[in-house]
């Protein structure tokens, strides 16, 4: 399968040698020597960006199968309860608020799917196999009606869907899961445990995550700037914790990038010399106490790193990264800031700073909460999906021109979440489940396609027995290990090290998913 980019990749391999003009040469000089061809592509730099959706995204309403058999079972399961969560079929026009919808017979409200119009059709470049239990000659698909920007990225071959991903120890069937005849991850429906298992391969209490372990192996490529290998804009995340790499946590949006008050000012308690004295005290490593000396060493490193980073963040390449625009809340119509887009703006600025810092490999963590939609799912998830779509579109645009360089091929962005949610509704929401669908975006992504097996939909009823769904949740057919290993391999992690980072990878039928 081709996507019209192999010729370009061959060109990049040819021109890639121009980056060997000298590590010490200024980045601008390297660009000038490389000429126009290199100015249209990324230098020798790669980064992963994890977008974690905390709470468990109901991916059944994010990526949908629309063939008649799948849609019929979907609509029957979700068009129930006091506030049904079934979306409208492809081509359904929005029903004005207060009018009666012709499909459901219900009065449309701003926070009901009737007002949003039909789901947005997408056409994968390859046919997704039809699994046992699905009665269709061809499977067709769509996205949530608030995800037009994601559809645009999918159609442009810069975004792919990975189907039915979940935490696994080994491949498992519905029958094996229900009979408990093969091992599977502990505490499947626990938020904390599954967030940790997704990020680290172990339940709550894990000390290192696979992003941090990637950083352990690749941080030497960042020279004296190795402290910026694993960067979070969302607080502490086990995903970025390595055995040697320590995640660097950054503020978002504001300039400078990092603020250490007191020591960095020009005056403290009315004294112009006090900031300097504070700096001396908190970085004094000559204490008789080992703890105090270690603390001072860490503090000194932090101050030095923040000074370096804030200096670089003042450069035109970084300040030129456009701020994330506000977006319109599709439920209320209000113009709001998008916190996820703001985090991705900080990531874009960090990527723009990478040449000046001498950084070649990075892993980032950003997040968005509010996905635990036991109640009021229509409004909560709809608005959150609009935020994700808006943020991804903004980030793709920012990467397309960072200081005159197209960095899209150098950055792969992917979603992760605790788990997906039940196929059936509890009346106005959904409950904790297991396997779900995810998005991967980037110029190196073989986009416009669905990877992995999109499952048969529908709960067991009468003679129908769904081989992919136990009760009302999906049994995953793609593991987090395969998902992560595909991206680790692209980042430059060796096969032997992938087996260490993802010990369950050797249990899987395939070691990669083909989207990179």
Protein backbone atom coordinates (compact mmCIF):
# COMPACT_ATOMS: atom_id res chain seq x y z
CA UNK A 1 0.00 0.00 0.00
CA UNK A 2 1.41 3.39 -0.97
CA UNK A 3 0.39 6.87 0.04
CA UNK A 4 2.40 8.94 -2.38
CA UNK A 5 5.22 9.65 0.06
CA UNK A 6 7.89 7.06 -0.68
CA UNK A 7 9.53 9.14 -3.41
CA UNK A 8 9.69 12.01 -0.96
CA UNK A 9 11.22 9.77 1.71
CA UNK A 10 13.89 8.65 -0.73
CA UNK A 11 14.66 12.30 -1.38
CA UNK A 12 14.91 12.94 2.36
CA UNK A 13 17.36 10.06 2.78
CA UNK A 14 19.52 11.57 0.03
CA UNK A 15 19.41 15.07 1.47
CA UNK A 16 19.68 13.77 5.04
CA UNK A 17 23.44 13.58 4.66
CA UNK A 18 23.52 17.36 4.56
CA UNK A 19 22.81 17.35 8.29
CA UNK A 20 26.37 16.06 8.75
CA UNK A 21 27.76 19.51 8.04
CA UNK A 22 28.81 19.54 11.67
CA UNK A 23 27.12 19.24 15.04
CA UNK A 24 28.80 22.41 16.20
CA UNK A 25 27.59 24.47 13.25
CA UNK A 26 24.74 26.84 13.99
CA UNK A 27 21.36 25.48 12.95
CA UNK A 28 20.78 28.42 10.61
CA UNK A 29 24.05 27.68 8.81
CA UNK A 30 23.07 24.04 8.36
CA UNK A 31 19.78 25.11 6.81
CA UNK A 32 21.50 27.54 4.46
CA UNK A 33 23.97 24.90 3.31
CA UNK A 34 21.27 22.29 2.89
CA UNK A 35 19.27 24.52 0.60
CA UNK A 36 15.61 24.64 -0.26
CA UNK A 37 15.01 20.87 -0.21
CA UNK A 38 16.06 20.54 3.40
CA UNK A 39 14.11 23.64 4.39
CA UNK A 40 10.94 21.77 3.49
CA UNK A 41 11.65 18.79 5.75
CA UNK A 42 12.62 17.97 9.30
CA UNK A 43 16.26 17.72 10.45
CA UNK A 44 17.58 14.67 12.30
CA UNK A 45 15.06 14.92 15.10
CA UNK A 46 12.18 12.71 16.24
CA UNK A 47 9.63 13.05 18.99
CA UNK A 48 6.66 11.16 20.37
CA UNK A 49 3.76 13.06 21.90
CA UNK A 50 1.34 11.12 24.12
CA UNK A 51 -2.12 12.69 24.45
CA UNK A 52 -3.64 10.97 27.47
CA UNK A 53 -7.43 11.18 27.85
CA UNK A 54 -7.96 10.71 31.58
CA UNK A 55 -11.16 8.98 32.65
CA UNK A 56 -11.75 6.55 29.79
CA UNK A 57 -12.84 7.84 26.38
CA UNK A 58 -15.95 6.22 24.91
CA UNK A 59 -14.34 5.41 21.58
CA UNK A 60 -17.56 3.72 20.37
CA UNK A 61 -18.78 7.28 19.72
CA UNK A 62 -15.44 8.50 18.35
CA UNK A 63 -14.82 5.97 15.53
CA UNK A 64 -17.93 4.18 14.31
CA UNK A 65 -18.70 1.35 11.89
CA UNK A 66 -21.56 2.42 9.63
CA UNK A 67 -22.31 -0.67 7.52
CA UNK A 68 -25.96 -1.63 8.00
CA UNK A 69 -25.34 -4.57 10.31
CA UNK A 70 -22.93 -2.70 12.58
CA UNK A 71 -24.99 0.48 12.65
CA UNK A 72 -28.19 -1.38 13.43
CA UNK A 73 -26.66 -3.02 16.51
CA UNK A 74 -24.98 0.22 17.56
CA UNK A 75 -28.17 2.24 17.31
CA UNK A 76 -30.28 -0.39 19.07
CA UNK A 77 -27.87 -0.49 22.01
CA UNK A 78 -27.42 3.27 22.40
CA UNK A 79 -30.74 4.78 21.39
CA UNK A 80 -32.23 3.99 24.80
CA UNK A 81 -32.46 5.55 28.26
CA UNK A 82 -33.59 8.94 29.48
CA UNK A 83 -30.85 10.69 27.46
CA UNK A 84 -29.85 8.42 24.55
CA UNK A 85 -26.25 8.61 23.35
CA UNK A 86 -26.69 7.15 19.86
CA UNK A 87 -25.32 9.47 17.19
CA UNK A 88 -27.22 10.16 13.99
CA UNK A 89 -26.55 8.25 10.73
CA UNK A 90 -24.32 9.60 7.96
CA UNK A 91 -26.08 12.31 5.97
CA UNK A 92 -28.62 13.24 8.67
CA UNK A 93 -29.04 17.04 8.71
CA UNK A 94 -28.96 18.81 12.07
CA UNK A 95 -32.38 19.17 13.66
CA UNK A 96 -32.99 22.72 14.92
CA UNK A 97 -33.23 22.95 18.69
CA UNK A 98 -36.87 22.56 19.71
CA UNK A 99 -37.87 20.70 16.52
CA UNK A 100 -38.68 16.99 16.30
CA UNK A 101 -36.04 14.73 14.76
CA UNK A 102 -37.33 12.48 11.98
CA UNK A 103 -35.05 9.55 12.92
CA UNK A 104 -35.72 9.36 16.67
CA UNK A 105 -39.01 11.22 17.05
CA UNK A 106 -37.47 13.21 19.91
CA UNK A 107 -37.32 16.96 20.35
CA UNK A 108 -33.85 18.25 19.58
CA UNK A 109 -31.76 19.96 22.28
CA UNK A 110 -28.34 21.62 22.07
CA UNK A 111 -26.80 18.75 24.03
CA UNK A 112 -28.50 15.94 22.10
CA UNK A 113 -27.15 14.18 18.99
CA UNK A 114 -30.24 15.15 17.01
CA UNK A 115 -28.95 18.75 16.89
CA UNK A 116 -25.49 17.81 15.64
CA UNK A 117 -26.25 16.15 12.31
CA UNK A 118 -24.92 12.82 11.10
CA UNK A 119 -21.57 11.20 11.80
CA UNK A 120 -18.74 12.15 9.41
CA UNK A 121 -17.88 9.41 6.89
CA UNK A 122 -14.25 8.40 6.39
CA UNK A 123 -12.98 6.08 3.66
CA UNK A 124 -9.98 3.94 4.68
CA UNK A 125 -7.44 3.30 1.93
CA UNK A 126 -7.60 -0.43 2.54
CA UNK A 127 -10.62 -2.57 3.35
CA UNK A 128 -10.76 -3.53 7.00
CA UNK A 129 -11.40 -7.29 7.25
CA UNK A 130 -14.93 -8.33 8.11
CA UNK A 131 -14.78 -10.27 11.39
CA UNK A 132 -16.90 -13.27 12.33
CA UNK A 133 -20.33 -12.15 13.43
CA UNK A 134 -20.55 -9.09 11.16
CA UNK A 135 -23.01 -9.45 8.29
CA UNK A 136 -21.61 -7.04 5.71
CA UNK A 137 -19.95 -7.22 2.31
CA UNK A 138 -17.87 -4.07 3.00
CA UNK A 139 -17.34 -2.24 6.27
CA UNK A 140 -17.74 1.51 6.27
CA UNK A 141 -16.72 3.99 8.97
CA UNK A 142 -17.28 7.45 10.37
CA UNK A 143 -16.17 9.89 13.07
CA UNK A 144 -18.10 11.85 15.68
CA UNK A 145 -19.81 14.89 14.08
CA UNK A 146 -17.64 17.30 16.12
CA UNK A 147 -14.39 15.89 14.71
CA UNK A 148 -14.26 17.50 11.27
CA UNK A 149 -10.63 18.61 11.81
CA UNK A 150 -9.66 14.98 12.49
CA UNK A 151 -11.51 13.87 9.35
CA UNK A 152 -9.52 16.47 7.39
CA UNK A 153 -6.24 15.05 8.78
CA UNK A 154 -7.39 11.50 8.01
CA UNK A 155 -8.27 12.48 4.44
CA UNK A 156 -4.86 14.19 4.10
CA UNK A 157 -3.07 10.93 5.05
CA UNK A 158 -1.60 12.43 8.23
CA UNK A 159 -3.80 10.59 10.72
CA UNK A 160 -4.68 6.93 11.20
CA UNK A 161 -7.06 4.98 13.44
CA UNK A 162 -5.84 2.00 15.44
CA UNK A 163 -8.75 -0.27 16.33
CA UNK A 164 -9.58 -2.13 19.53
CA UNK A 165 -6.41 -1.48 21.53
CA UNK A 166 -6.17 -2.53 25.17
CA UNK A 167 -3.91 -3.79 27.92
CA UNK A 168 -3.03 -7.45 27.30
CA UNK A 169 -0.57 -10.05 28.54
CA UNK A 170 -1.16 -12.34 25.58
CA UNK A 171 -3.81 -12.65 22.88
CA UNK A 172 -7.13 -13.61 24.41
CA UNK A 173 -10.53 -14.55 23.04
CA UNK A 174 -13.89 -13.80 24.55
CA UNK A 175 -14.28 -17.45 25.52
CA UNK A 176 -10.85 -17.54 27.18
CA UNK A 177 -11.55 -14.34 29.09
CA UNK A 178 -14.92 -15.51 30.35
CA UNK A 179 -13.52 -18.92 31.33
CA UNK A 180 -10.42 -17.30 32.91
CA UNK A 181 -8.20 -19.85 31.15
CA UNK A 182 -5.41 -17.45 30.12
CA UNK A 183 -3.85 -14.54 32.05
CA UNK A 184 -4.99 -10.97 31.53
CA UNK A 185 -4.11 -7.67 33.25
CA UNK A 186 -5.21 -7.09 36.83
CA UNK A 187 -7.90 -4.59 37.83
CA UNK A 188 -9.18 -4.06 34.31
CA UNK A 189 -11.85 -1.55 35.23
CA UNK A 190 -9.92 0.53 37.76
CA UNK A 191 -9.00 4.03 36.61
CA UNK A 192 -5.71 4.31 38.50
CA UNK A 193 -4.56 0.80 37.65
CA UNK A 194 -5.40 0.98 33.97
CA UNK A 195 -3.90 4.45 33.57
CA UNK A 196 -0.72 3.00 35.02
CA UNK A 197 -0.89 -0.19 32.95
CA UNK A 198 -1.32 1.83 29.76
CA UNK A 199 1.63 4.07 30.65
CA UNK A 200 3.93 1.58 32.37
CA UNK A 201 2.76 -1.99 31.81
CA UNK A 202 1.97 -2.44 35.52
CA UNK A 203 -0.82 -1.45 37.88
CA UNK A 204 -0.68 1.55 40.22
CA UNK A 205 2.70 1.84 41.91
CA UNK A 206 4.79 1.30 38.78
CA UNK A 207 8.07 3.22 38.90
CA UNK A 208 8.93 3.57 35.21
CA UNK A 209 6.90 4.04 32.02
CA UNK A 210 7.61 3.12 28.44
CA UNK A 211 8.11 6.73 27.36
CA UNK A 212 10.73 7.20 30.05
CA UNK A 213 12.41 3.93 29.15
CA UNK A 214 12.60 5.10 25.53
CA UNK A 215 14.30 8.19 26.94
CA UNK A 216 16.81 6.10 28.91
CA UNK A 217 17.99 4.54 25.67
CA UNK A 218 17.99 7.67 23.52
CA UNK A 219 18.94 10.53 25.85
CA UNK A 220 22.64 10.21 24.97
CA UNK A 221 21.74 11.65 21.56
CA UNK A 222 20.79 14.89 23.33
CA UNK A 223 24.26 15.60 24.74
CA UNK A 224 24.30 18.21 27.49
CA UNK A 225 20.55 18.79 27.04
CA UNK A 226 19.56 15.26 28.09
CA UNK A 227 17.48 16.73 30.92
CA UNK A 228 14.95 17.78 28.26
CA UNK A 229 14.52 14.25 26.84
CA UNK A 230 11.20 13.50 28.60
CA UNK A 231 8.94 16.54 28.96
CA UNK A 232 5.50 16.84 30.55
CA UNK A 233 3.12 19.77 30.35
CA UNK A 234 0.57 17.89 32.49
CA UNK A 235 2.38 17.33 35.78
CA UNK A 236 3.98 14.11 36.93
CA UNK A 237 3.31 11.10 34.69
CA UNK A 238 4.66 7.58 35.18
CA UNK A 239 4.75 7.32 31.37
CA UNK A 240 7.83 9.59 31.31
CA UNK A 241 9.66 8.11 34.31
CA UNK A 242 12.80 6.23 33.34
CA UNK A 243 15.51 4.45 35.25
CA UNK A 244 17.93 7.29 34.57
CA UNK A 245 15.81 9.88 32.75
CA UNK A 246 13.89 12.28 34.97
CA UNK A 247 10.86 13.91 33.41
CA UNK A 248 11.07 17.67 32.98
CA UNK A 249 7.80 19.36 33.88
CA UNK A 250 6.94 22.63 32.15
CA UNK A 251 4.33 25.33 32.53
CA UNK A 252 2.15 26.08 29.50
CA UNK A 253 1.49 29.08 27.37
CA UNK A 254 3.23 31.82 29.31
CA UNK A 255 6.72 33.21 28.74
CA UNK A 256 9.17 32.28 30.19
CA UNK A 257 8.85 28.51 29.96
CA UNK A 258 9.84 27.85 33.57
CA UNK A 259 9.76 30.25 36.50
CA UNK A 260 11.76 29.84 39.70
CA UNK A 261 10.71 32.77 41.84
CA UNK A 262 12.93 34.60 44.28
CA UNK A 263 16.32 33.66 42.90
CA UNK A 264 15.53 34.86 39.38
CA UNK A 265 14.21 38.32 40.24
CA UNK A 266 15.99 41.66 40.51
CA UNK A 267 14.71 42.39 44.01
CA UNK A 268 13.66 40.35 47.03
CA UNK A 269 12.30 41.85 50.27
CA UNK A 270 13.45 45.24 49.00
CA UNK A 271 17.04 44.13 48.44
CA UNK A 272 18.75 43.96 45.07
CA UNK A 273 21.38 41.52 46.34
CA UNK A 274 18.94 39.12 48.02
CA UNK A 275 18.11 37.08 44.87
CA UNK A 276 21.80 36.25 44.43
CA UNK A 277 22.14 35.24 48.08
CA UNK A 278 19.09 32.99 47.80
CA UNK A 279 20.67 31.34 44.78
CA UNK A 280 23.92 30.74 46.67
CA UNK A 281 22.13 29.25 49.67
CA UNK A 282 19.88 26.85 47.80
CA UNK A 283 22.67 25.62 45.52
CA UNK A 284 25.41 25.24 48.17
CA UNK A 285 26.64 21.63 47.92
CA UNK A 286 29.14 21.89 50.75
CA UNK A 287 26.70 20.93 53.50
CA UNK A 288 27.74 18.18 55.90
CA UNK A 289 24.34 16.63 55.32
CA UNK A 290 24.29 14.29 52.32
CA UNK A 291 20.61 14.98 51.88
CA UNK A 292 21.17 18.75 51.84
CA UNK A 293 24.07 18.44 49.39
CA UNK A 294 22.01 16.26 47.05
CA UNK A 295 19.10 18.66 47.30
CA UNK A 296 21.38 21.59 46.45
CA UNK A 297 22.80 19.70 43.45
CA UNK A 298 19.29 19.00 42.16
CA UNK A 299 18.21 22.59 42.73
CA UNK A 300 21.29 23.94 40.99
CA UNK A 301 20.66 21.69 38.00
CA UNK A 302 17.05 22.86 37.88
CA UNK A 303 18.03 26.52 38.00
CA UNK A 304 20.65 26.03 35.31
CA UNK A 305 18.22 24.15 33.08
CA UNK A 306 15.51 26.76 33.52
CA UNK A 307 17.94 29.57 32.69
CA UNK A 308 19.09 27.77 29.56
CA UNK A 309 15.55 26.95 28.47
CA UNK A 310 14.18 30.42 29.09
CA UNK A 311 17.04 31.96 27.12
CA UNK A 312 16.31 29.71 24.15
CA UNK A 313 12.58 30.27 24.50
CA UNK A 314 13.22 33.95 23.91
CA UNK A 315 14.53 33.27 20.40
CA UNK A 316 12.50 34.18 17.35
CA UNK A 317 12.18 30.50 16.33
CA UNK A 318 10.29 29.80 19.55
CA UNK A 319 8.36 33.01 20.02
CA UNK A 320 7.24 32.67 16.41
CA UNK A 321 5.12 29.62 17.25
CA UNK A 322 1.56 30.91 16.91
CA UNK A 323 -0.64 30.69 19.97
CA UNK A 324 -3.41 28.14 19.88
CA UNK A 325 -6.62 29.89 18.82
CA UNK A 326 -9.73 29.70 20.96
CA UNK A 327 -12.41 27.27 19.89
CA UNK A 328 -16.19 27.31 19.97
CA UNK A 329 -17.83 24.95 22.46
CA UNK A 330 -20.21 23.04 20.18
CA UNK A 331 -22.76 22.54 22.97
CA UNK A 332 -22.99 26.05 24.42
CA UNK A 333 -21.65 28.07 21.51
CA UNK A 334 -19.26 29.89 23.86
CA UNK A 335 -15.73 30.81 22.74
CA UNK A 336 -13.31 29.08 25.12
CA UNK A 337 -9.62 28.42 25.55
CA UNK A 338 -8.54 24.89 24.74
CA UNK A 339 -6.17 23.69 27.47
CA UNK A 340 -5.05 20.75 25.35
CA UNK A 341 -4.13 23.02 22.44
CA UNK A 342 -2.25 25.29 24.87
CA UNK A 343 -0.21 22.31 26.09
CA UNK A 344 0.56 21.36 22.50
CA UNK A 345 1.67 24.95 21.84
CA UNK A 346 4.29 24.49 24.58
CA UNK A 347 5.35 21.20 22.98
CA UNK A 348 5.66 22.93 19.60
CA UNK A 349 7.81 25.63 21.18
CA UNK A 350 10.02 23.00 22.78
CA UNK A 351 10.43 21.28 19.41
CA UNK A 352 11.30 24.64 17.83
CA UNK A 353 13.97 25.07 20.53
CA UNK A 354 15.48 21.61 19.94
CA UNK A 355 18.11 22.65 17.33
CA UNK A 356 19.51 25.37 19.59
CA UNK A 357 19.62 22.91 22.50
CA UNK A 358 21.20 20.13 20.43
CA UNK A 359 18.28 17.75 21.07
CA UNK A 360 17.58 14.88 18.66
CA UNK A 361 15.10 12.64 20.51
CA UNK A 362 12.24 13.61 22.82
CA UNK A 363 9.11 12.14 24.38
CA UNK A 364 6.27 14.42 25.52
CA UNK A 365 3.18 13.94 27.68
CA UNK A 366 0.05 16.11 27.52
CA UNK A 367 -3.39 15.32 28.85
CA UNK A 368 -7.06 16.21 28.96
CA UNK A 369 -9.42 15.08 31.72
CA UNK A 370 -13.19 14.77 31.92
CA UNK A 371 -13.72 11.48 30.07
CA UNK A 372 -15.35 9.51 32.92
CA UNK A 373 -18.80 9.86 31.39
CA UNK A 374 -21.07 7.82 33.63
CA UNK A 375 -23.59 10.64 33.27
CA UNK A 376 -24.33 13.49 30.85
CA UNK A 377 -22.11 11.90 28.21
CA UNK A 378 -23.55 13.73 25.23
CA UNK A 379 -22.41 17.16 26.38
CA UNK A 380 -19.22 16.11 28.17
CA UNK A 381 -17.74 13.80 25.56
CA UNK A 382 -18.95 15.82 22.60
CA UNK A 383 -17.18 18.93 23.83
CA UNK A 384 -14.04 16.98 24.73
CA UNK A 385 -13.86 15.36 21.28
CA UNK A 386 -14.20 18.82 19.74
CA UNK A 387 -11.26 19.95 21.91
CA UNK A 388 -9.13 17.01 20.79
CA UNK A 389 -9.93 17.62 17.13
CA UNK A 390 -9.21 21.35 17.44
CA UNK A 391 -5.94 20.73 19.34
CA UNK A 392 -4.64 18.11 16.89
CA UNK A 393 -5.43 20.34 13.93
CA UNK A 394 -3.66 23.28 15.57
CA UNK A 395 -0.60 21.17 16.41
CA UNK A 396 -0.40 19.77 12.88
CA UNK A 397 -0.48 23.29 11.49
CA UNK A 398 2.15 24.54 13.92
CA UNK A 399 4.49 21.66 13.07
CA UNK A 400 4.06 22.38 9.38
CA UNK A 401 6.15 25.53 9.74
CA UNK A 402 8.46 25.79 12.75
CA UNK A 403 10.97 28.48 11.91
CA UNK A 404 10.55 27.72 8.21
CA UNK A 405 10.96 23.96 8.68
CA UNK A 406 8.23 21.36 8.18
CA UNK A 407 8.54 19.17 11.29
CA UNK A 408 5.48 17.01 10.68
CA UNK A 409 7.48 13.95 9.63
CA UNK A 410 9.63 14.24 12.75
CA UNK A 411 6.75 14.13 15.26
CA UNK A 412 4.25 11.35 15.95
CA UNK A 413 1.30 12.17 18.20
CA UNK A 414 -0.96 9.46 19.62
CA UNK A 415 -3.92 9.13 21.97
CA UNK A 416 -4.14 6.89 25.02
CA UNK A 417 -6.80 6.47 27.70
CA UNK A 418 -7.61 4.34 30.75
CA UNK A 419 -9.96 2.16 28.71
CA UNK A 420 -12.98 2.54 26.47
CA UNK A 421 -16.52 2.24 27.80
CA UNK A 422 -19.50 -0.08 27.68
CA UNK A 423 -21.23 -0.54 24.36
CA UNK A 424 -24.62 -0.16 26.04
CA UNK A 425 -25.79 3.01 27.78
CA UNK A 426 -26.70 3.27 31.46
CA UNK A 427 -29.37 5.84 30.61
CA UNK A 428 -27.33 8.97 29.95
CA UNK A 429 -23.77 7.68 29.91
CA UNK A 430 -21.50 4.65 29.89
CA UNK A 431 -19.46 2.65 32.36
CA UNK A 432 -15.90 1.28 32.48
CA UNK A 433 -14.91 -1.27 29.83
CA UNK A 434 -11.74 -2.49 28.08
CA UNK A 435 -10.67 -2.29 24.41
CA UNK A 436 -11.01 0.93 22.45
CA UNK A 437 -9.95 2.83 19.34
CA UNK A 438 -7.14 5.42 19.13
CA UNK A 439 -5.71 8.10 16.85
CA UNK A 440 -2.13 8.46 15.59
CA UNK A 441 -1.06 11.63 13.77
CA UNK A 442 2.11 12.68 11.97
CA UNK A 443 3.81 13.20 8.65
CA UNK A 444 5.51 9.80 8.94
CA UNK A 445 2.21 8.07 9.75
CA UNK A 446 0.70 6.00 6.96
CA UNK A 447 -2.54 7.85 7.43
CA UNK A 448 -5.97 7.60 5.91
CA UNK A 449 -6.35 4.05 7.12
CA UNK A 450 -7.56 1.84 9.99
CA UNK A 451 -5.02 -0.53 11.54
CA UNK A 452 -5.90 -3.58 13.56
CA UNK A 453 -9.22 -5.42 13.41
CA UNK A 454 -12.27 -3.24 13.88
CA UNK A 455 -14.54 -5.57 15.87
CA UNK A 456 -18.02 -6.94 15.47
CA UNK A 457 -20.47 -4.73 17.34
CA UNK A 458 -23.44 -5.71 19.44
CA UNK A 459 -24.23 -7.42 22.73
CA UNK A 460 -25.30 -11.06 22.90
CA UNK A 461 -29.04 -11.21 22.28
CA UNK A 462 -31.18 -14.15 21.22
CA UNK A 463 -29.25 -16.26 18.72
CA UNK A 464 -26.62 -13.55 18.21
CA UNK A 465 -23.30 -14.17 19.96
CA UNK A 466 -20.64 -11.52 19.48
CA UNK A 467 -17.16 -13.10 19.44
CA UNK A 468 -15.49 -9.71 20.19
CA UNK A 469 -17.61 -8.43 23.05
CA UNK A 470 -18.03 -9.88 26.54
CA UNK A 471 -21.22 -8.56 28.09
CA UNK A 472 -20.96 -4.95 26.85
CA UNK A 473 -17.23 -4.37 26.50
CA UNK A 474 -14.71 -5.18 23.80
CA UNK A 475 -12.03 -7.80 24.32
CA UNK A 476 -8.94 -6.14 22.76
CA UNK A 477 -7.41 -7.60 19.62
CA UNK A 478 -4.43 -5.20 19.60
CA UNK A 479 -2.20 -4.78 22.64
CA UNK A 480 -0.74 -1.60 24.11
CA UNK A 481 2.64 -3.35 23.71
CA UNK A 482 2.20 -3.60 19.92
CA UNK A 483 0.93 0.00 19.78
CA UNK A 484 3.87 1.34 21.79
CA UNK A 485 6.50 -0.85 20.13
CA UNK A 486 5.48 0.42 16.68
CA UNK A 487 6.24 3.95 17.82
CA UNK A 488 9.37 2.97 19.75
CA UNK A 489 10.81 1.31 16.66
CA UNK A 490 10.18 4.50 14.66
CA UNK A 491 11.86 6.54 17.40
CA UNK A 492 14.97 4.36 17.13
CA UNK A 493 14.63 1.73 19.88
CA UNK A 494 16.15 -1.64 18.94
CA UNK A 495 14.15 -4.86 18.78
CA UNK A 496 16.02 -6.34 21.74
CA UNK A 497 15.29 -3.29 23.86
CA UNK A 498 11.64 -3.31 22.81
CA UNK A 499 11.42 -6.80 24.32
CA UNK A 500 12.74 -5.43 27.59
CA UNK A 501 10.42 -2.42 27.64
CA UNK A 502 7.40 -4.45 26.49
CA UNK A 503 7.92 -7.95 27.97
CA UNK A 504 4.55 -9.13 26.64
CA UNK A 505 5.45 -8.20 23.06
CA UNK A 506 6.94 -11.63 22.43
CA UNK A 507 3.55 -13.16 23.20
CA UNK A 508 1.82 -11.33 20.36
CA UNK A 509 1.33 -12.62 16.84
CA UNK A 510 2.94 -9.51 15.33
CA UNK A 511 5.47 -7.04 16.70
CA UNK A 512 4.17 -3.97 14.88
CA UNK A 513 1.02 -2.49 13.41
CA UNK A 514 2.26 -0.91 10.16
CA UNK A 515 1.09 2.66 10.71
CA UNK A 516 4.71 3.89 10.86
